[in-house]
Amino acid sequence: MTAVIERKNIDGDREAEKGRVALKGFFRVTEEWGCNVEERSKLLGGPSRTTLYNYAKLNPTKLSNDTMERISYILGIYKALQLLYPTHERANRRIRLKSSEVPFCGKSAMEFMTQGSMMNLMLTRQYFDAKRGW
């Protein structure tokens, strides 16, 4: 019985550390993109300001699958932009440029992504992956 409890604790510690690393990446990327608190919250699916503040402390935190998936999309978008553009500045600026292309239809990628839907993050990731030929 003790071995089972210890195993659960180890698995819980691993999940919490994965959450901490994911949040660290999320906050670094959103800082480079110049995101405010509201945009960060919307990108993560709408957690409260208190939750977002606690996340920013980067303590080991077990995140929901939804939150981990959202962060995965955001990190993938960041990577695709870094590969598409020759400088970090241009790559980070692209996220705020309006585009008439589908799926953005006159909005910037950031405006599109912060509409709150996981689908918007997925479509943005697919768009930038396709642009870089992947």
C-alpha atoms as a PDB file:
ATOM      1  CA  MET A   1       0.000   0.000   0.000  1.00  0.00           C
ATOM      2  CA  THR A   2       2.817   2.389   0.855  1.00  0.00           C
ATOM      3  CA  ALA A   3       4.458   1.726  -2.533  1.00  0.00           C
ATOM      4  CA  VAL A   4       1.239   2.719  -4.325  1.00  0.00           C
ATOM      5  CA  ILE A   5       1.021   5.982  -2.368  1.00  0.00           C
ATOM      6  CA  GLU A   6       4.686   6.745  -3.043  1.00  0.00           C
ATOM      7  CA  ARG A   7       4.161   6.043  -6.761  1.00  0.00           C
ATOM      8  CA  LYS A   8       1.209   8.442  -6.846  1.00  0.00           C
ATOM      9  CA  ASN A   9       3.314  11.101  -5.107  1.00  0.00           C
ATOM     10  CA  ILE A  10       6.126  10.660  -7.628  1.00  0.00           C
ATOM     11  CA  ASP A  11       3.678  10.859 -10.551  1.00  0.00           C
ATOM     12  CA  GLY A  12       2.057  13.928  -8.992  1.00  0.00           C
ATOM     13  CA  ASP A  13       5.448  15.581  -8.562  1.00  0.00           C
ATOM     14  CA  ARG A  14       6.285  14.899 -12.213  1.00  0.00           C
ATOM     15  CA  GLU A  15       2.988  16.367 -13.387  1.00  0.00           C
ATOM     16  CA  ALA A  16       3.486  19.433 -11.207  1.00  0.00           C
ATOM     17  CA  GLU A  17       7.002  19.920 -12.599  1.00  0.00           C
ATOM     18  CA  LYS A  18       5.680  19.569 -16.172  1.00  0.00           C
ATOM     19  CA  GLY A  19       3.164  22.289 -15.343  1.00  0.00           C
ATOM     20  CA  ARG A  20       5.886  24.562 -13.965  1.00  0.00           C
ATOM     21  CA  VAL A  21       8.032  24.132 -17.084  1.00  0.00           C
ATOM     22  CA  ALA A  22       5.035  24.708 -19.371  1.00  0.00           C
ATOM     23  CA  LEU A  23       4.095  27.889 -17.509  1.00  0.00           C
ATOM     24  CA  LYS A  24       7.683  29.128 -17.647  1.00  0.00           C
ATOM     25  CA  GLY A  25       7.613  28.768 -21.438  1.00  0.00           C
ATOM     26  CA  PHE A  26       4.181  30.360 -21.655  1.00  0.00           C
ATOM     27  CA  PHE A  27       5.180  33.431 -19.662  1.00  0.00           C
ATOM     28  CA  ARG A  28       8.430  33.884 -21.605  1.00  0.00           C
ATOM     29  CA  VAL A  29       6.638  33.716 -24.951  1.00  0.00           C
ATOM     30  CA  THR A  30       3.787  35.994 -23.916  1.00  0.00           C
ATOM     31  CA  GLU A  31       6.295  38.479 -22.517  1.00  0.00           C
ATOM     32  CA  GLU A  32       8.091  38.567 -25.865  1.00  0.00           C
ATOM     33  CA  TRP A  33       4.735  39.049 -27.583  1.00  0.00           C
ATOM     34  CA  GLY A  34       3.919  41.957 -25.240  1.00  0.00           C
ATOM     35  CA  CYS A  35       0.786  40.321 -23.846  1.00  0.00           C
ATOM     36  CA  ASN A  36      -1.138  41.939 -21.053  1.00  0.00           C
ATOM     37  CA  VAL A  37      -2.909  40.096 -18.228  1.00  0.00           C
ATOM     38  CA  GLU A  38      -6.200  39.906 -20.110  1.00  0.00           C
ATOM     39  CA  GLU A  39      -4.580  38.404 -23.214  1.00  0.00           C
ATOM     40  CA  ARG A  40      -2.671  35.871 -21.135  1.00  0.00           C
ATOM     41  CA  SER A  41      -5.857  34.863 -19.368  1.00  0.00           C
ATOM     42  CA  LYS A  42      -7.749  34.440 -22.641  1.00  0.00           C
ATOM     43  CA  LEU A  43      -4.917  32.413 -24.166  1.00  0.00           C
ATOM     44  CA  LEU A  44      -5.116  30.034 -21.186  1.00  0.00           C
ATOM     45  CA  GLY A  45      -8.890  29.704 -21.406  1.00  0.00           C
ATOM     46  CA  GLY A  46      -9.937  32.356 -18.912  1.00  0.00           C
ATOM     47  CA  PRO A  47      -8.487  31.598 -15.486  1.00  0.00           C
ATOM     48  CA  SER A  48      -9.027  34.267 -12.848  1.00  0.00           C
ATOM     49  CA  ARG A  49      -6.445  36.976 -12.205  1.00  0.00           C
ATOM     50  CA  THR A  50      -5.563  35.259  -8.929  1.00  0.00           C
ATOM     51  CA  THR A  51      -4.918  31.951 -10.686  1.00  0.00           C
ATOM     52  CA  LEU A  52      -2.852  33.688 -13.351  1.00  0.00           C
ATOM     53  CA  TYR A  53      -0.884  35.494 -10.642  1.00  0.00           C
ATOM     54  CA  ASN A  54      -0.237  32.175  -8.896  1.00  0.00           C
ATOM     55  CA  TYR A  55       0.836  30.606 -12.194  1.00  0.00           C
ATOM     56  CA  ALA A  56       3.305  33.466 -12.711  1.00  0.00           C
ATOM     57  CA  LYS A  57       5.102  32.455  -9.497  1.00  0.00           C
ATOM     58  CA  LEU A  58       6.223  29.352 -11.439  1.00  0.00           C
ATOM     59  CA  ASN A  59       5.731  26.965  -8.560  1.00  0.00           C
ATOM     60  CA  PRO A  60       5.235  23.303  -9.496  1.00  0.00           C
ATOM     61  CA  THR A  61       1.567  23.143 -10.467  1.00  0.00           C
ATOM     62  CA  LYS A  62      -0.464  20.311 -11.951  1.00  0.00           C
ATOM     63  CA  LEU A  63      -2.276  21.874 -14.889  1.00  0.00           C
ATOM     64  CA  SER A  64      -5.420  20.597 -16.550  1.00  0.00           C
ATOM     65  CA  ASN A  65      -5.102  18.840 -19.900  1.00  0.00           C
ATOM     66  CA  ASP A  66      -6.889  21.811 -21.475  1.00  0.00           C
ATOM     67  CA  THR A  67      -4.319  24.271 -20.145  1.00  0.00           C
ATOM     68  CA  MET A  68      -1.407  22.065 -21.173  1.00  0.00           C
ATOM     69  CA  GLU A  69      -2.845  21.748 -24.686  1.00  0.00           C
ATOM     70  CA  ARG A  70      -3.291  25.515 -24.956  1.00  0.00           C
ATOM     71  CA  ILE A  71       0.307  26.097 -23.875  1.00  0.00           C
ATOM     72  CA  SER A  72       1.477  23.478 -26.363  1.00  0.00           C
ATOM     73  CA  TYR A  73      -0.251  25.339 -29.206  1.00  0.00           C
ATOM     74  CA  ILE A  74       1.231  28.654 -28.082  1.00  0.00           C
ATOM     75  CA  LEU A  75       4.755  27.240 -27.890  1.00  0.00           C
ATOM     76  CA  GLY A  76       4.299  25.663 -31.331  1.00  0.00           C
ATOM     77  CA  ILE A  77       3.133  28.987 -32.791  1.00  0.00           C
ATOM     78  CA  TYR A  78       6.139  30.712 -31.257  1.00  0.00           C
ATOM     79  CA  LYS A  79       8.508  28.125 -32.708  1.00  0.00           C
ATOM     80  CA  ALA A  80       6.948  28.367 -36.172  1.00  0.00           C
ATOM     81  CA  LEU A  81       7.251  32.164 -36.133  1.00  0.00           C
ATOM     82  CA  GLN A  82      10.896  31.976 -35.062  1.00  0.00           C
ATOM     83  CA  LEU A  83      11.597  29.662 -38.008  1.00  0.00           C
ATOM     84  CA  LEU A  84       9.655  31.802 -40.481  1.00  0.00           C
ATOM     85  CA  TYR A  85      11.300  35.142 -39.745  1.00  0.00           C
ATOM     86  CA  PRO A  86      14.992  36.073 -39.640  1.00  0.00           C
ATOM     87  CA  THR A  87      14.881  37.969 -36.340  1.00  0.00           C
ATOM     88  CA  HIS A  88      13.068  37.596 -33.026  1.00  0.00           C
ATOM     89  CA  GLU A  89      11.709  41.121 -33.413  1.00  0.00           C
ATOM     90  CA  ARG A  90      10.044  40.372 -36.767  1.00  0.00           C
ATOM     91  CA  ALA A  91       8.722  37.037 -35.565  1.00  0.00           C
ATOM     92  CA  ASN A  92       7.253  38.581 -32.432  1.00  0.00           C
ATOM     93  CA  ARG A  93       5.813  41.536 -34.354  1.00  0.00           C
ATOM     94  CA  ARG A  94       4.015  39.194 -36.781  1.00  0.00           C
ATOM     95  CA  ILE A  95       1.682  37.999 -34.044  1.00  0.00           C
ATOM     96  CA  ARG A  96       0.181  41.524 -33.877  1.00  0.00           C
ATOM     97  CA  LEU A  97      -0.071  42.266 -37.625  1.00  0.00           C
ATOM     98  CA  LYS A  98      -3.533  42.153 -39.139  1.00  0.00           C
ATOM     99  CA  SER A  99      -4.004  39.648 -41.942  1.00  0.00           C
ATOM    100  CA  SER A 100      -6.732  39.189 -44.512  1.00  0.00           C
ATOM    101  CA  GLU A 101      -5.828  35.512 -44.851  1.00  0.00           C
ATOM    102  CA  VAL A 102      -7.929  32.697 -43.476  1.00  0.00           C
ATOM    103  CA  PRO A 103      -8.348  32.089 -40.564  1.00  0.00           C
ATOM    104  CA  PHE A 104      -7.641  35.657 -39.401  1.00  0.00           C
ATOM    105  CA  CYS A 105      -9.952  37.531 -41.797  1.00  0.00           C
ATOM    106  CA  GLY A 106      -8.753  41.053 -40.972  1.00  0.00           C
ATOM    107  CA  LYS A 107      -7.616  40.379 -37.415  1.00  0.00           C
ATOM    108  CA  SER A 108      -4.151  39.850 -36.042  1.00  0.00           C
ATOM    109  CA  ALA A 109      -3.180  36.373 -34.916  1.00  0.00           C
ATOM    110  CA  MET A 110      -3.278  37.648 -31.326  1.00  0.00           C
ATOM    111  CA  GLU A 111      -6.787  39.044 -31.728  1.00  0.00           C
ATOM    112  CA  PHE A 112      -7.889  35.763 -33.283  1.00  0.00           C
ATOM    113  CA  MET A 113      -6.271  33.589 -30.599  1.00  0.00           C
ATOM    114  CA  THR A 114      -7.650  35.634 -27.693  1.00  0.00           C
ATOM    115  CA  GLN A 115     -11.225  35.006 -28.713  1.00  0.00           C
ATOM    116  CA  GLY A 116     -10.920  32.196 -26.188  1.00  0.00           C
ATOM    117  CA  SER A 117     -11.526  29.091 -28.263  1.00  0.00           C
ATOM    118  CA  MET A 118      -9.045  26.228 -28.308  1.00  0.00           C
ATOM    119  CA  MET A 119      -9.968  25.903 -31.996  1.00  0.00           C
ATOM    120  CA  ASN A 120      -8.533  29.376 -32.645  1.00  0.00           C
ATOM    121  CA  LEU A 121      -5.207  28.339 -31.143  1.00  0.00           C
ATOM    122  CA  MET A 122      -5.206  25.160 -33.209  1.00  0.00           C
ATOM    123  CA  LEU A 123      -6.018  27.009 -36.444  1.00  0.00           C
ATOM    124  CA  THR A 124      -3.321  29.592 -35.763  1.00  0.00           C
ATOM    125  CA  ARG A 125      -0.783  26.834 -35.163  1.00  0.00           C
ATOM    126  CA  GLN A 126      -1.824  25.061 -38.362  1.00  0.00           C
ATOM    127  CA  TYR A 127      -1.586  28.324 -40.315  1.00  0.00           C
ATOM    128  CA  PHE A 128       1.958  29.110 -39.222  1.00  0.00           C
ATOM    129  CA  ASP A 129       3.094  25.481 -39.554  1.00  0.00           C
ATOM    130  CA  ALA A 130       1.748  25.479 -43.135  1.00  0.00           C
ATOM    131  CA  LYS A 131       3.511  28.790 -43.864  1.00  0.00           C
ATOM    132  CA  ARG A 132       6.829  27.273 -42.868  1.00  0.00           C
ATOM    133  CA  GLY A 133       6.143  24.217 -44.989  1.00  0.00           C
ATOM    134  CA  TRP A 134       5.473  21.635 -42.360  1.00  0.00           C
END
